[in-house]
PDB file of N, CA and C in Angstrom:
ATOM      1  N   MET A   1     -39.468 -86.595  39.265  1.00  0.00           N
ATOM      2  CA  MET A   1     -39.759 -87.655  38.353  1.00  0.00           C
ATOM      3  C   MET A   1     -39.462 -89.268  39.483  1.00  0.00           C
ATOM      4  N   GLN A   2     -39.174 -88.923  40.619  1.00  0.00           N
ATOM      5  CA  GLN A   2     -39.819 -90.013  41.680  1.00  0.00           C
ATOM      6  C   GLN A   2     -40.942 -89.808  42.232  1.00  0.00           C
ATOM      7  N   ILE A   3     -41.864 -88.238  41.744  1.00  0.00           N
ATOM      8  CA  ILE A   3     -43.140 -88.274  41.882  1.00  0.00           C
ATOM      9  C   ILE A   3     -44.285 -89.749  41.597  1.00  0.00           C
ATOM     10  N   VAL A   4     -43.532 -89.914  39.702  1.00  0.00           N
ATOM     11  CA  VAL A   4     -43.605 -90.605  38.943  1.00  0.00           C
ATOM     12  C   VAL A   4     -43.899 -92.080  39.014  1.00  0.00           C
ATOM     13  N   ALA A   5     -42.428 -91.937  39.585  1.00  0.00           N
ATOM     14  CA  ALA A   5     -42.182 -93.320  39.691  1.00  0.00           C
ATOM     15  C   ALA A   5     -42.966 -94.500  40.947  1.00  0.00           C
ATOM     16  N   THR A   6     -43.309 -93.580  42.100  1.00  0.00           N
ATOM     17  CA  THR A   6     -44.143 -93.849  43.191  1.00  0.00           C
ATOM     18  C   THR A   6     -45.176 -94.322  42.772  1.00  0.00           C
ATOM     19  N   ILE A   7     -45.309 -93.331  42.571  1.00  0.00           N
ATOM     20  CA  ILE A   7     -47.171 -93.046  41.596  1.00  0.00           C
ATOM     21  C   ILE A   7     -47.312 -94.886  40.533  1.00  0.00           C
ATOM     22  N   THR A   8     -46.467 -94.981  40.020  1.00  0.00           N
ATOM     23  CA  THR A   8     -46.540 -95.937  38.990  1.00  0.00           C
ATOM     24  C   THR A   8     -46.568 -97.478  39.690  1.00  0.00           C
ATOM     25  N   VAL A   9     -45.291 -97.530  40.556  1.00  0.00           N
ATOM     26  CA  VAL A   9     -45.375 -98.532  41.283  1.00  0.00           C
ATOM     27  C   VAL A   9     -46.920 -98.864  42.589  1.00  0.00           C
ATOM     28  N   THR A  10     -47.065 -97.430  43.091  1.00  0.00           N
ATOM     29  CA  THR A  10     -48.192 -97.953  43.846  1.00  0.00           C
ATOM     30  C   THR A  10     -49.059 -98.468  42.643  1.00  0.00           C
ATOM     31  N   PHE A  11     -49.755 -97.926  41.309  1.00  0.00           N
ATOM     32  CA  PHE A  11     -50.959 -98.703  40.680  1.00  0.00           C
ATOM     33  C   PHE A  11     -51.117 -99.962  40.843  1.00  0.00           C
ATOM     34  N   VAL A  12     -49.919-100.529  40.459  1.00  0.00           N
ATOM     35  CA  VAL A  12     -49.506-101.632  40.220  1.00  0.00           C
ATOM     36  C   VAL A  12     -49.791-102.758  41.240  1.00  0.00           C
ATOM     37  N   ALA A  13     -48.899-102.127  42.510  1.00  0.00           N
ATOM     38  CA  ALA A  13     -49.764-102.928  44.022  1.00  0.00           C
ATOM     39  C   ALA A  13     -51.193-102.854  44.183  1.00  0.00           C
ATOM     40  N   PHE A  14     -51.875-101.705  43.459  1.00  0.00           N
ATOM     41  CA  PHE A  14     -53.423-101.417  43.575  1.00  0.00           C
ATOM     42  C   PHE A  14     -53.595-102.339  42.498  1.00  0.00           C
ATOM     43  N   VAL A  15     -53.212-102.916  41.405  1.00  0.00           N
ATOM     44  CA  VAL A  15     -53.529-103.727  40.731  1.00  0.00           C
ATOM     45  C   VAL A  15     -53.198-105.430  41.155  1.00  0.00           C
ATOM     46  N   HIS A  16     -52.365-105.868  41.944  1.00  0.00           N
ATOM     47  CA  HIS A  16     -52.239-106.728  43.057  1.00  0.00           C
ATOM     48  C   HIS A  16     -52.948-107.235  44.067  1.00  0.00           C
ATOM     49  N   ILE A  17     -53.227-105.709  44.669  1.00  0.00           N
ATOM     50  CA  ILE A  17     -54.818-105.909  45.819  1.00  0.00           C
ATOM     51  C   ILE A  17     -56.145-106.508  45.043  1.00  0.00           C
ATOM     52  N   LEU A  18     -55.928-105.730  43.742  1.00  0.00           N
ATOM     53  CA  LEU A  18     -58.006-106.309  43.179  1.00  0.00           C
ATOM     54  C   LEU A  18     -57.567-107.640  43.255  1.00  0.00           C
ATOM     55  N   ILE A  19     -56.054-107.666  42.707  1.00  0.00           N
ATOM     56  CA  ILE A  19     -56.183-109.838  41.837  1.00  0.00           C
ATOM     57  C   ILE A  19     -56.542-110.346  43.297  1.00  0.00           C
ATOM     58  N   SER A  20     -55.541-110.151  44.134  1.00  0.00           N
ATOM     59  CA  SER A  20     -55.507-110.508  45.248  1.00  0.00           C
ATOM     60  C   SER A  20     -57.129-111.266  46.069  1.00  0.00           C
ATOM     61  N   ILE A  21     -57.487-109.515  45.952  1.00  0.00           N
ATOM     62  CA  ILE A  21     -59.432-109.764  46.234  1.00  0.00           C
ATOM     63  C   ILE A  21     -60.043-111.093  45.808  1.00  0.00           C
ATOM     64  N   VAL A  22     -59.925-110.778  44.476  1.00  0.00           N
ATOM     65  CA  VAL A  22     -60.582-111.558  43.564  1.00  0.00           C
ATOM     66  C   VAL A  22     -60.384-112.920  43.634  1.00  0.00           C
ATOM     67  N   GLU A  23     -59.090-113.556  43.545  1.00  0.00           N
ATOM     68  CA  GLU A  23     -58.369-114.553  44.180  1.00  0.00           C
ATOM     69  C   GLU A  23     -58.992-115.447  45.454  1.00  0.00           C
ATOM     70  N   MET A  24     -58.579-114.523  46.522  1.00  0.00           N
ATOM     71  CA  MET A  24     -59.021-115.101  47.442  1.00  0.00           C
ATOM     72  C   MET A  24     -60.770-115.232  48.044  1.00  0.00           C
ATOM     73  N   PHE A  25     -61.464-114.116  47.678  1.00  0.00           N
ATOM     74  CA  PHE A  25     -63.038-114.065  47.511  1.00  0.00           C
ATOM     75  C   PHE A  25     -63.859-114.010  47.108  1.00  0.00           C
ATOM     76  N   PHE A  26     -63.419-113.826  45.440  1.00  0.00           N
ATOM     77  CA  PHE A  26     -64.154-114.428  44.649  1.00  0.00           C
ATOM     78  C   PHE A  26     -64.724-114.731  43.561  1.00  0.00           C
ATOM     79  N   TRP A  27     -63.324-116.044  43.765  1.00  0.00           N
ATOM     80  CA  TRP A  27     -62.819-116.863  42.945  1.00  0.00           C
ATOM     81  C   TRP A  27     -64.064-117.715  42.363  1.00  0.00           C
ATOM     82  N   LYS A  28     -65.442-118.529  43.808  1.00  0.00           N
ATOM     83  CA  LYS A  28     -66.656-119.344  43.184  1.00  0.00           C
ATOM     84  C   LYS A  28     -67.222-118.677  42.455  1.00  0.00           C
ATOM     85  N   ASN A  29     -67.313-116.976  42.385  1.00  0.00           N
ATOM     86  CA  ASN A  29     -68.413-116.945  41.700  1.00  0.00           C
ATOM     87  C   ASN A  29     -68.400-117.272  39.926  1.00  0.00           C
ATOM     88  N   PRO A  30     -69.194-117.185  39.557  1.00  0.00           N
ATOM     89  CA  PRO A  30     -69.352-117.722  37.936  1.00  0.00           C
ATOM     90  C   PRO A  30     -68.680-116.315  36.759  1.00  0.00           C
ATOM     91  N   VAL A  31     -68.926-115.801  37.505  1.00  0.00           N
ATOM     92  CA  VAL A  31     -68.602-114.582  36.482  1.00  0.00           C
ATOM     93  C   VAL A  31     -66.454-114.490  36.383  1.00  0.00           C
ATOM     94  N   VAL A  32     -66.184-114.730  37.517  1.00  0.00           N
ATOM     95  CA  VAL A  32     -64.937-115.247  37.706  1.00  0.00           C
ATOM     96  C   VAL A  32     -64.650-115.965  37.020  1.00  0.00           C
ATOM     97  N   TYR A  33     -64.631-117.161  37.590  1.00  0.00           N
ATOM     98  CA  TYR A  33     -63.713-118.914  37.130  1.00  0.00           C
ATOM     99  C   TYR A  33     -64.512-118.244  35.281  1.00  0.00           C
ATOM    100  N   GLN A  34     -65.779-118.603  35.310  1.00  0.00           N
ATOM    101  CA  GLN A  34     -65.960-118.650  33.576  1.00  0.00           C
ATOM    102  C   GLN A  34     -65.209-117.800  32.822  1.00  0.00           C
ATOM    103  N   ARG A  35     -64.448-116.619  33.008  1.00  0.00           N
ATOM    104  CA  ARG A  35     -63.784-115.568  32.218  1.00  0.00           C
ATOM    105  C   ARG A  35     -62.574-115.932  32.244  1.00  0.00           C
ATOM    106  N   PHE A  36     -62.251-117.217  33.076  1.00  0.00           N
ATOM    107  CA  PHE A  36     -61.064-118.062  32.508  1.00  0.00           C
ATOM    108  C   PHE A  36     -61.509-119.715  32.089  1.00  0.00           C
ATOM    109  N   GLY A  37     -62.441-119.343  31.526  1.00  0.00           N
ATOM    110  CA  GLY A  37     -62.754-120.849  30.989  1.00  0.00           C
ATOM    111  C   GLY A  37     -62.816-121.923  31.796  1.00  0.00           C
ATOM    112  N   PHE A  38     -63.043-121.869  32.886  1.00  0.00           N
ATOM    113  CA  PHE A  38     -63.527-122.986  33.974  1.00  0.00           C
ATOM    114  C   PHE A  38     -65.144-123.071  33.997  1.00  0.00           C
ATOM    115  N   THR A  39     -65.707-124.550  34.012  1.00  0.00           N
ATOM    116  CA  THR A  39     -66.277-125.064  34.659  1.00  0.00           C
ATOM    117  C   THR A  39     -67.302-124.406  36.561  1.00  0.00           C
ATOM    118  N   ALA A  40     -67.860-124.928  37.011  1.00  0.00           N
ATOM    119  CA  ALA A  40     -68.453-124.647  38.355  1.00  0.00           C
ATOM    120  C   ALA A  40     -66.718-126.015  39.262  1.00  0.00           C
ATOM    121  N   ASP A  41     -67.239-126.815  38.544  1.00  0.00           N
ATOM    122  CA  ASP A  41     -66.469-128.518  39.307  1.00  0.00           C
ATOM    123  C   ASP A  41     -65.273-128.202  39.047  1.00  0.00           C
ATOM    124  N   VAL A  42     -64.871-127.769  37.892  1.00  0.00           N
ATOM    125  CA  VAL A  42     -63.715-127.479  38.177  1.00  0.00           C
ATOM    126  C   VAL A  42     -62.850-126.393  38.772  1.00  0.00           C
ATOM    127  N   ALA A  43     -63.282-124.982  38.904  1.00  0.00           N
ATOM    128  CA  ALA A  43     -63.180-124.431  39.779  1.00  0.00           C
ATOM    129  C   ALA A  43     -63.502-124.411  41.273  1.00  0.00           C
ATOM    130  N   SER A  44     -64.320-125.267  41.268  1.00  0.00           N
ATOM    131  CA  SER A  44     -64.164-125.612  43.053  1.00  0.00           C
ATOM    132  C   SER A  44     -62.910-126.724  43.024  1.00  0.00           C
ATOM    133  N   GLN A  45     -62.267-127.056  42.705  1.00  0.00           N
ATOM    134  CA  GLN A  45     -61.514-128.503  42.783  1.00  0.00           C
ATOM    135  C   GLN A  45     -60.287-127.470  42.578  1.00  0.00           C
ATOM    136  N   VAL A  46     -60.149-126.478  42.380  1.00  0.00           N
ATOM    137  CA  VAL A  46     -58.902-125.998  41.900  1.00  0.00           C
ATOM    138  C   VAL A  46     -58.603-124.120  43.126  1.00  0.00           C
ATOM    139  N   ALA A  47     -60.519-124.073  43.532  1.00  0.00           N
ATOM    140  CA  ALA A  47     -60.277-122.960  44.725  1.00  0.00           C
ATOM    141  C   ALA A  47     -59.108-122.672  45.300  1.00  0.00           C
ATOM    142  N   PRO A  48     -58.352-123.707  46.430  1.00  0.00           N
ATOM    143  CA  PRO A  48     -57.710-123.520  47.549  1.00  0.00           C
ATOM    144  C   PRO A  48     -55.977-123.241  46.445  1.00  0.00           C
ATOM    145  N   ILE A  49     -55.571-123.365  45.270  1.00  0.00           N
ATOM    146  CA  ILE A  49     -54.982-123.206  44.653  1.00  0.00           C
ATOM    147  C   ILE A  49     -54.684-121.379  44.179  1.00  0.00           C
ATOM    148  N   VAL A  50     -55.918-121.398  43.907  1.00  0.00           N
ATOM    149  CA  VAL A  50     -56.533-119.906  43.574  1.00  0.00           C
ATOM    150  C   VAL A  50     -56.301-119.165  44.634  1.00  0.00           C
ATOM    151  N   LYS A  51     -56.447-119.424  45.461  1.00  0.00           N
ATOM    152  CA  LYS A  51     -56.448-118.667  47.192  1.00  0.00           C
ATOM    153  C   LYS A  51     -55.340-118.662  47.211  1.00  0.00           C
ATOM    154  N   ASN A  52     -54.608-119.827  47.655  1.00  0.00           N
ATOM    155  CA  ASN A  52     -53.426-119.268  47.512  1.00  0.00           C
ATOM    156  C   ASN A  52     -52.373-118.369  46.377  1.00  0.00           C
ATOM    157  N   ALA A  53     -52.307-118.314  45.482  1.00  0.00           N
ATOM    158  CA  ALA A  53     -52.378-117.597  44.224  1.00  0.00           C
ATOM    159  C   ALA A  53     -52.514-116.008  45.184  1.00  0.00           C
ATOM    160  N   GLY A  54     -53.777-116.388  45.491  1.00  0.00           N
ATOM    161  CA  GLY A  54     -54.261-114.536  45.859  1.00  0.00           C
ATOM    162  C   GLY A  54     -53.018-114.067  46.703  1.00  0.00           C
ATOM    163  N   LEU A  55     -53.500-115.208  47.742  1.00  0.00           N
ATOM    164  CA  LEU A  55     -52.117-114.791  49.364  1.00  0.00           C
ATOM    165  C   LEU A  55     -50.951-114.254  48.216  1.00  0.00           C
ATOM    166  N   TYR A  56     -50.638-114.870  47.337  1.00  0.00           N
ATOM    167  CA  TYR A  56     -48.693-114.175  47.371  1.00  0.00           C
ATOM    168  C   TYR A  56     -49.208-113.110  46.722  1.00  0.00           C
ATOM    169  N   ASN A  57     -49.921-112.495  45.452  1.00  0.00           N
ATOM    170  CA  ASN A  57     -50.171-111.459  45.267  1.00  0.00           C
ATOM    171  C   ASN A  57     -50.640-110.751  45.871  1.00  0.00           C
ATOM    172  N   GLY A  58     -51.306-110.760  47.350  1.00  0.00           N
ATOM    173  CA  GLY A  58     -50.857-109.914  47.873  1.00  0.00           C
ATOM    174  C   GLY A  58     -49.506-109.207  48.942  1.00  0.00           C
ATOM    175  N   PHE A  59     -48.910-110.641  48.927  1.00  0.00           N
ATOM    176  CA  PHE A  59     -47.492-110.519  49.119  1.00  0.00           C
ATOM    177  C   PHE A  59     -46.490-109.781  48.317  1.00  0.00           C
ATOM    178  N   ILE A  60     -47.307-109.855  47.019  1.00  0.00           N
ATOM    179  CA  ILE A  60     -46.610-108.658  45.737  1.00  0.00           C
ATOM    180  C   ILE A  60     -46.898-107.416  46.306  1.00  0.00           C
ATOM    181  N   ALA A  61     -48.149-106.897  46.125  1.00  0.00           N
ATOM    182  CA  ALA A  61     -48.377-105.878  46.686  1.00  0.00           C
ATOM    183  C   ALA A  61     -47.833-105.314  47.726  1.00  0.00           C
ATOM    184  N   ALA A  62     -47.977-106.226  49.157  1.00  0.00           N
ATOM    185  CA  ALA A  62     -47.423-105.252  50.193  1.00  0.00           C
ATOM    186  C   ALA A  62     -45.662-104.911  50.367  1.00  0.00           C
ATOM    187  N   GLY A  63     -45.083-105.774  49.337  1.00  0.00           N
ATOM    188  CA  GLY A  63     -43.588-105.196  48.900  1.00  0.00           C
ATOM    189  C   GLY A  63     -43.372-104.185  48.088  1.00  0.00           C
ATOM    190  N   LEU A  64     -44.459-104.160  47.380  1.00  0.00           N
ATOM    191  CA  LEU A  64     -44.768-102.994  46.364  1.00  0.00           C
ATOM    192  C   LEU A  64     -45.245-101.599  46.643  1.00  0.00           C
ATOM    193  N   ILE A  65     -45.865-102.002  48.130  1.00  0.00           N
ATOM    194  CA  ILE A  65     -46.330-100.195  49.096  1.00  0.00           C
ATOM    195  C   ILE A  65     -45.057-100.311  49.677  1.00  0.00           C
ATOM    196  N   TRP A  66     -44.483-100.650  50.219  1.00  0.00           N
ATOM    197  CA  TRP A  66     -43.506-101.233  50.938  1.00  0.00           C
ATOM    198  C   TRP A  66     -42.218-100.302  50.491  1.00  0.00           C
ATOM    199  N   GLY A  67     -41.925-101.060  48.979  1.00  0.00           N
ATOM    200  CA  GLY A  67     -41.100-100.268  48.247  1.00  0.00           C
ATOM    201  C   GLY A  67     -41.055 -98.676  47.907  1.00  0.00           C
ATOM    202  N   ALA A  68     -42.853 -98.620  47.264  1.00  0.00           N
ATOM    203  CA  ALA A  68     -43.170 -97.494  47.165  1.00  0.00           C
ATOM    204  C   ALA A  68     -42.793 -95.879  48.145  1.00  0.00           C
ATOM    205  N   PHE A  69     -43.049 -96.483  49.656  1.00  0.00           N
ATOM    206  CA  PHE A  69     -43.060 -95.275  50.660  1.00  0.00           C
ATOM    207  C   PHE A  69     -41.960 -95.797  51.562  1.00  0.00           C
ATOM    208  N   THR A  70     -40.798 -96.385  51.396  1.00  0.00           N
ATOM    209  CA  THR A  70     -40.034 -96.461  52.662  1.00  0.00           C
ATOM    210  C   THR A  70     -38.852 -95.764  51.701  1.00  0.00           C
ATOM    211  N   LYS A  71     -38.276 -95.144  52.844  1.00  0.00           N
ATOM    212  CA  LYS A  71     -36.947 -94.159  52.519  1.00  0.00           C
ATOM    213  C   LYS A  71     -35.581 -94.785  52.670  1.00  0.00           C
ATOM    214  N   SER A  72     -35.479 -95.590  52.965  1.00  0.00           N
ATOM    215  CA  SER A  72     -34.148 -96.331  52.742  1.00  0.00           C
ATOM    216  C   SER A  72     -34.410 -97.727  52.089  1.00  0.00           C
ATOM    217  N   ASP A  73     -32.723 -97.959  50.710  1.00  0.00           N
ATOM    218  CA  ASP A  73     -33.208 -98.754  49.838  1.00  0.00           C
ATOM    219  C   ASP A  73     -34.362 -99.146  49.142  1.00  0.00           C
ATOM    220  N   PHE A  74     -34.702 -97.957  48.585  1.00  0.00           N
ATOM    221  CA  PHE A  74     -36.144 -97.984  48.008  1.00  0.00           C
ATOM    222  C   PHE A  74     -35.619 -98.730  46.947  1.00  0.00           C
ATOM    223  N   LEU A  75     -34.730 -98.417  45.834  1.00  0.00           N
ATOM    224  CA  LEU A  75     -34.605 -99.201  44.660  1.00  0.00           C
ATOM    225  C   LEU A  75     -34.411-100.460  44.767  1.00  0.00           C
ATOM    226  N   SER A  76     -33.694-100.778  45.479  1.00  0.00           N
ATOM    227  CA  SER A  76     -33.585-102.772  45.253  1.00  0.00           C
ATOM    228  C   SER A  76     -35.077-103.068  45.901  1.00  0.00           C
ATOM    229  N   ILE A  77     -35.849-103.022  46.321  1.00  0.00           N
ATOM    230  CA  ILE A  77     -36.834-103.226  46.830  1.00  0.00           C
ATOM    231  C   ILE A  77     -37.662-103.442  45.699  1.00  0.00           C
ATOM    232  N   ARG A  78     -38.465-101.941  45.116  1.00  0.00           N
ATOM    233  CA  ARG A  78     -38.970-101.745  44.148  1.00  0.00           C
ATOM    234  C   ARG A  78     -38.674-102.361  42.863  1.00  0.00           C
ATOM    235  N   VAL A  79     -37.408-101.974  42.483  1.00  0.00           N
ATOM    236  CA  VAL A  79     -37.055-103.269  41.063  1.00  0.00           C
ATOM    237  C   VAL A  79     -37.370-104.831  41.889  1.00  0.00           C
ATOM    238  N   PHE A  80     -36.819-105.113  42.632  1.00  0.00           N
ATOM    239  CA  PHE A  80     -36.935-106.731  42.978  1.00  0.00           C
ATOM    240  C   PHE A  80     -38.621-107.106  42.711  1.00  0.00           C
ATOM    241  N   PHE A  81     -39.308-106.357  43.552  1.00  0.00           N
ATOM    242  CA  PHE A  81     -41.047-106.596  43.239  1.00  0.00           C
ATOM    243  C   PHE A  81     -41.490-106.364  42.105  1.00  0.00           C
ATOM    244  N   LEU A  82     -41.413-105.251  41.285  1.00  0.00           N
ATOM    245  CA  LEU A  82     -41.649-104.707  39.751  1.00  0.00           C
ATOM    246  C   LEU A  82     -40.919-106.500  38.839  1.00  0.00           C
ATOM    247  N   VAL A  83     -40.157-106.298  39.226  1.00  0.00           N
ATOM    248  CA  VAL A  83     -38.997-107.790  38.115  1.00  0.00           C
ATOM    249  C   VAL A  83     -40.095-108.636  38.483  1.00  0.00           C
ATOM    250  N   CYS A  84     -39.920-109.289  39.519  1.00  0.00           N
ATOM    251  CA  CYS A  84     -41.088-110.394  39.607  1.00  0.00           C
ATOM    252  C   CYS A  84     -42.450-110.446  39.344  1.00  0.00           C
ATOM    253  N   VAL A  85     -43.225-109.197  38.986  1.00  0.00           N
ATOM    254  CA  VAL A  85     -44.503-109.313  38.419  1.00  0.00           C
ATOM    255  C   VAL A  85     -44.140-109.165  36.870  1.00  0.00           C
ATOM    256  N   VAL A  86     -42.904-108.601  36.995  1.00  0.00           N
ATOM    257  CA  VAL A  86     -43.123-108.818  35.429  1.00  0.00           C
ATOM    258  C   VAL A  86     -42.886-110.368  34.889  1.00  0.00           C
ATOM    259  N   ILE A  87     -41.887-110.819  35.380  1.00  0.00           N
ATOM    260  CA  ILE A  87     -41.761-112.841  35.363  1.00  0.00           C
ATOM    261  C   ILE A  87     -43.064-113.547  35.473  1.00  0.00           C
ATOM    262  N   ALA A  88     -44.057-113.110  36.433  1.00  0.00           N
ATOM    263  CA  ALA A  88     -45.346-113.400  36.542  1.00  0.00           C
ATOM    264  C   ALA A  88     -46.046-113.221  35.423  1.00  0.00           C
ATOM    265  N   GLY A  89     -46.113-111.904  35.049  1.00  0.00           N
ATOM    266  CA  GLY A  89     -46.938-111.990  34.289  1.00  0.00           C
ATOM    267  C   GLY A  89     -46.885-112.607  33.102  1.00  0.00           C
ATOM    268  N   ILE A  90     -45.645-112.594  32.904  1.00  0.00           N
ATOM    269  CA  ILE A  90     -45.233-113.129  31.393  1.00  0.00           C
ATOM    270  C   ILE A  90     -45.504-114.970  31.818  1.00  0.00           C
ATOM    271  N   PHE A  91     -45.081-115.411  32.552  1.00  0.00           N
ATOM    272  CA  PHE A  91     -45.434-116.799  32.673  1.00  0.00           C
ATOM    273  C   PHE A  91     -47.271-116.558  33.209  1.00  0.00           C
ATOM    274  N   GLY A  92     -47.779-116.241  33.601  1.00  0.00           N
ATOM    275  CA  GLY A  92     -49.320-116.324  33.490  1.00  0.00           C
ATOM    276  C   GLY A  92     -49.865-115.777  31.981  1.00  0.00           C
ATOM    277  N   ALA A  93     -49.279-114.970  31.646  1.00  0.00           N
ATOM    278  CA  ALA A  93     -49.556-115.306  29.817  1.00  0.00           C
ATOM    279  C   ALA A  93     -49.766-116.270  29.051  1.00  0.00           C
ATOM    280  N   LEU A  94     -48.072-117.051  29.412  1.00  0.00           N
ATOM    281  CA  LEU A  94     -48.042-118.184  28.537  1.00  0.00           C
ATOM    282  C   LEU A  94     -48.315-119.384  29.021  1.00  0.00           C
ATOM    283  N   THR A  95     -49.339-119.073  29.873  1.00  0.00           N
ATOM    284  CA  THR A  95     -50.001-120.379  30.506  1.00  0.00           C
ATOM    285  C   THR A  95     -51.592-120.415  31.257  1.00  0.00           C
ATOM    286  N   LEU A  96     -51.786-118.996  31.020  1.00  0.00           N
ATOM    287  CA  LEU A  96     -52.876-119.105  31.793  1.00  0.00           C
ATOM    288  C   LEU A  96     -54.250-118.191  30.517  1.00  0.00           C
ATOM    289  N   LYS A  97     -54.034-116.750  30.513  1.00  0.00           N
ATOM    290  CA  LYS A  97     -54.597-115.979  29.859  1.00  0.00           C
ATOM    291  C   LYS A  97     -53.379-115.004  28.995  1.00  0.00           C
ATOM    292  N   ARG A  98     -52.913-114.859  27.905  1.00  0.00           N
ATOM    293  CA  ARG A  98     -52.289-113.526  27.078  1.00  0.00           C
ATOM    294  C   ARG A  98     -53.035-112.008  27.931  1.00  0.00           C
ATOM    295  N   THR A  99     -53.998-112.072  28.185  1.00  0.00           N
ATOM    296  CA  THR A  99     -53.847-110.921  28.694  1.00  0.00           C
ATOM    297  C   THR A  99     -53.540-110.004  30.566  1.00  0.00           C
ATOM    298  N   THR A 100     -52.924-111.128  30.317  1.00  0.00           N
ATOM    299  CA  THR A 100     -52.111-110.976  31.893  1.00  0.00           C
ATOM    300  C   THR A 100     -51.159-109.995  31.252  1.00  0.00           C
ATOM    301  N   LEU A 101     -50.615-110.035  30.225  1.00  0.00           N
ATOM    302  CA  LEU A 101     -49.285-108.899  29.444  1.00  0.00           C
ATOM    303  C   LEU A 101     -49.560-107.526  29.784  1.00  0.00           C
ATOM    304  N   VAL A 102     -51.558-107.114  29.510  1.00  0.00           N
ATOM    305  CA  VAL A 102     -51.198-106.146  29.801  1.00  0.00           C
ATOM    306  C   VAL A 102     -51.752-105.904  31.277  1.00  0.00           C
ATOM    307  N   LEU A 103     -52.281-106.788  32.078  1.00  0.00           N
ATOM    308  CA  LEU A 103     -52.478-106.197  32.976  1.00  0.00           C
ATOM    309  C   LEU A 103     -51.792-106.762  34.661  1.00  0.00           C
ATOM    310  N   GLN A 104     -50.650-107.151  34.164  1.00  0.00           N
ATOM    311  CA  GLN A 104     -49.751-107.228  35.116  1.00  0.00           C
ATOM    312  C   GLN A 104     -48.280-106.958  34.360  1.00  0.00           C
ATOM    313  N   THR A 105     -47.849-107.285  33.354  1.00  0.00           N
ATOM    314  CA  THR A 105     -46.331-107.339  32.698  1.00  0.00           C
ATOM    315  C   THR A 105     -46.554-105.615  32.221  1.00  0.00           C
ATOM    316  N   LEU A 106     -47.349-105.182  31.451  1.00  0.00           N
ATOM    317  CA  LEU A 106     -47.289-103.858  31.138  1.00  0.00           C
ATOM    318  C   LEU A 106     -47.161-103.198  32.589  1.00  0.00           C
ATOM    319  N   PRO A 107     -48.130-102.650  33.227  1.00  0.00           N
ATOM    320  CA  PRO A 107     -48.146-101.605  33.774  1.00  0.00           C
ATOM    321  C   PRO A 107     -46.694-102.016  34.548  1.00  0.00           C
ATOM    322  N   ALA A 108     -46.189-103.123  35.209  1.00  0.00           N
ATOM    323  CA  ALA A 108     -44.793-102.938  36.076  1.00  0.00           C
ATOM    324  C   ALA A 108     -43.635-102.987  35.081  1.00  0.00           C
ATOM    325  N   SER A 109     -43.502-103.039  33.480  1.00  0.00           N
ATOM    326  CA  SER A 109     -42.623-102.719  33.451  1.00  0.00           C
ATOM    327  C   SER A 109     -42.365-101.041  32.608  1.00  0.00           C
ATOM    328  N   ILE A 110     -43.133-100.285  32.804  1.00  0.00           N
ATOM    329  CA  ILE A 110     -43.898 -98.704  33.145  1.00  0.00           C
ATOM    330  C   ILE A 110     -42.823 -98.580  33.735  1.00  0.00           C
ATOM    331  N   ALA A 111     -43.916 -98.846  35.345  1.00  0.00           N
ATOM    332  CA  ALA A 111     -43.217 -98.838  36.263  1.00  0.00           C
ATOM    333  C   ALA A 111     -41.969 -98.833  36.830  1.00  0.00           C
ATOM    334  N   LEU A 112     -41.618-100.120  35.653  1.00  0.00           N
ATOM    335  CA  LEU A 112     -40.048-100.472  36.494  1.00  0.00           C
ATOM    336  C   LEU A 112     -38.946 -99.185  36.106  1.00  0.00           C
ATOM    337  N   VAL A 113     -39.019 -99.063  34.304  1.00  0.00           N
ATOM    338  CA  VAL A 113     -38.973 -97.493  33.755  1.00  0.00           C
ATOM    339  C   VAL A 113     -38.277 -96.594  34.300  1.00  0.00           C
ATOM    340  N   PHE A 114     -39.826 -95.682  34.982  1.00  0.00           N
ATOM    341  CA  PHE A 114     -39.702 -94.899  35.915  1.00  0.00           C
ATOM    342  C   PHE A 114     -38.843 -94.883  36.728  1.00  0.00           C
ATOM    343  N   VAL A 115     -38.994 -95.994  37.063  1.00  0.00           N
ATOM    344  CA  VAL A 115     -37.611 -95.989  38.517  1.00  0.00           C
ATOM    345  C   VAL A 115     -36.788 -96.511  38.327  1.00  0.00           C
ATOM    346  N   CYS A 116     -35.814 -96.700  37.206  1.00  0.00           N
ATOM    347  CA  CYS A 116     -34.735 -96.849  36.706  1.00  0.00           C
ATOM    348  C   CYS A 116     -34.591 -95.103  36.294  1.00  0.00           C
ATOM    349  N   ILE A 117     -35.554 -94.418  35.688  1.00  0.00           N
ATOM    350  CA  ILE A 117     -35.283 -93.265  35.183  1.00  0.00           C
ATOM    351  C   ILE A 117     -35.482 -92.385  36.696  1.00  0.00           C
ATOM    352  N   ALA A 118     -35.698 -92.280  37.593  1.00  0.00           N
ATOM    353  CA  ALA A 118     -35.396 -91.869  38.843  1.00  0.00           C
ATOM    354  C   ALA A 118     -34.237 -92.059  39.249  1.00  0.00           C
ATOM    355  N   ALA A 119     -34.030 -93.240  39.438  1.00  0.00           N
ATOM    356  CA  ALA A 119     -32.817 -93.726  40.385  1.00  0.00           C
ATOM    357  C   ALA A 119     -31.501 -93.176  39.438  1.00  0.00           C
ATOM    358  N   ASN A 120     -31.384 -92.622  37.898  1.00  0.00           N
ATOM    359  CA  ASN A 120     -30.492 -92.345  37.326  1.00  0.00           C
ATOM    360  C   ASN A 120     -30.334 -90.733  37.972  1.00  0.00           C
ATOM    361  N   SER A 121     -31.492 -90.185  38.151  1.00  0.00           N
ATOM    362  CA  SER A 121     -31.935 -88.629  38.436  1.00  0.00           C
ATOM    363  C   SER A 121     -31.368 -88.272  39.442  1.00  0.00           C
ATOM    364  N   ILE A 122     -31.395 -88.910  40.320  1.00  0.00           N
ATOM    365  CA  ILE A 122     -31.028 -88.990  41.794  1.00  0.00           C
ATOM    366  C   ILE A 122     -29.701 -89.177  41.869  1.00  0.00           C
ATOM    367  N   ARG A 123     -28.643 -89.957  40.923  1.00  0.00           N
ATOM    368  CA  ARG A 123     -27.343 -90.539  40.852  1.00  0.00           C
ATOM    369  C   ARG A 123     -26.662 -89.473  40.657  1.00  0.00           C
ATOM    370  N   GLN A 124     -27.232 -88.272  39.165  1.00  0.00           N
ATOM    371  CA  GLN A 124     -27.073 -87.768  38.549  1.00  0.00           C
ATOM    372  C   GLN A 124     -27.290 -86.056  39.571  1.00  0.00           C
ATOM    373  N   GLY A 125     -28.057 -86.331  39.867  1.00  0.00           N
ATOM    374  CA  GLY A 125     -28.446 -85.252  40.936  1.00  0.00           C
ATOM    375  C   GLY A 125     -27.698 -84.315  41.996  1.00  0.00           C
TER     376      GLY A 125
END
């Protein structure tokens, strides 16, 4: 079960790497900002904020990768960063787009379940 937990945590990290790249480097592409309902003018005005959010998503991805592959205290690290993603996904769904629940919250929640199952199997084993 530990392998499944690691794979799901790594998948969530990969999603956040992609989000980070899009927010930091491709935000001003009309395909991207129009998907969120922004005009070119508004997208340009909010670009620094979006780039900042991209940086934070990169940090989340780094924490998830750290948690996926560290040998010490991996449970605390994984749970912390996955809970951060779940909370951010819920907030994003409420304030930006409902699809955030599917793109962020659902994969992180699934990974969190596998991490907890794996932790219980380690404790019992």
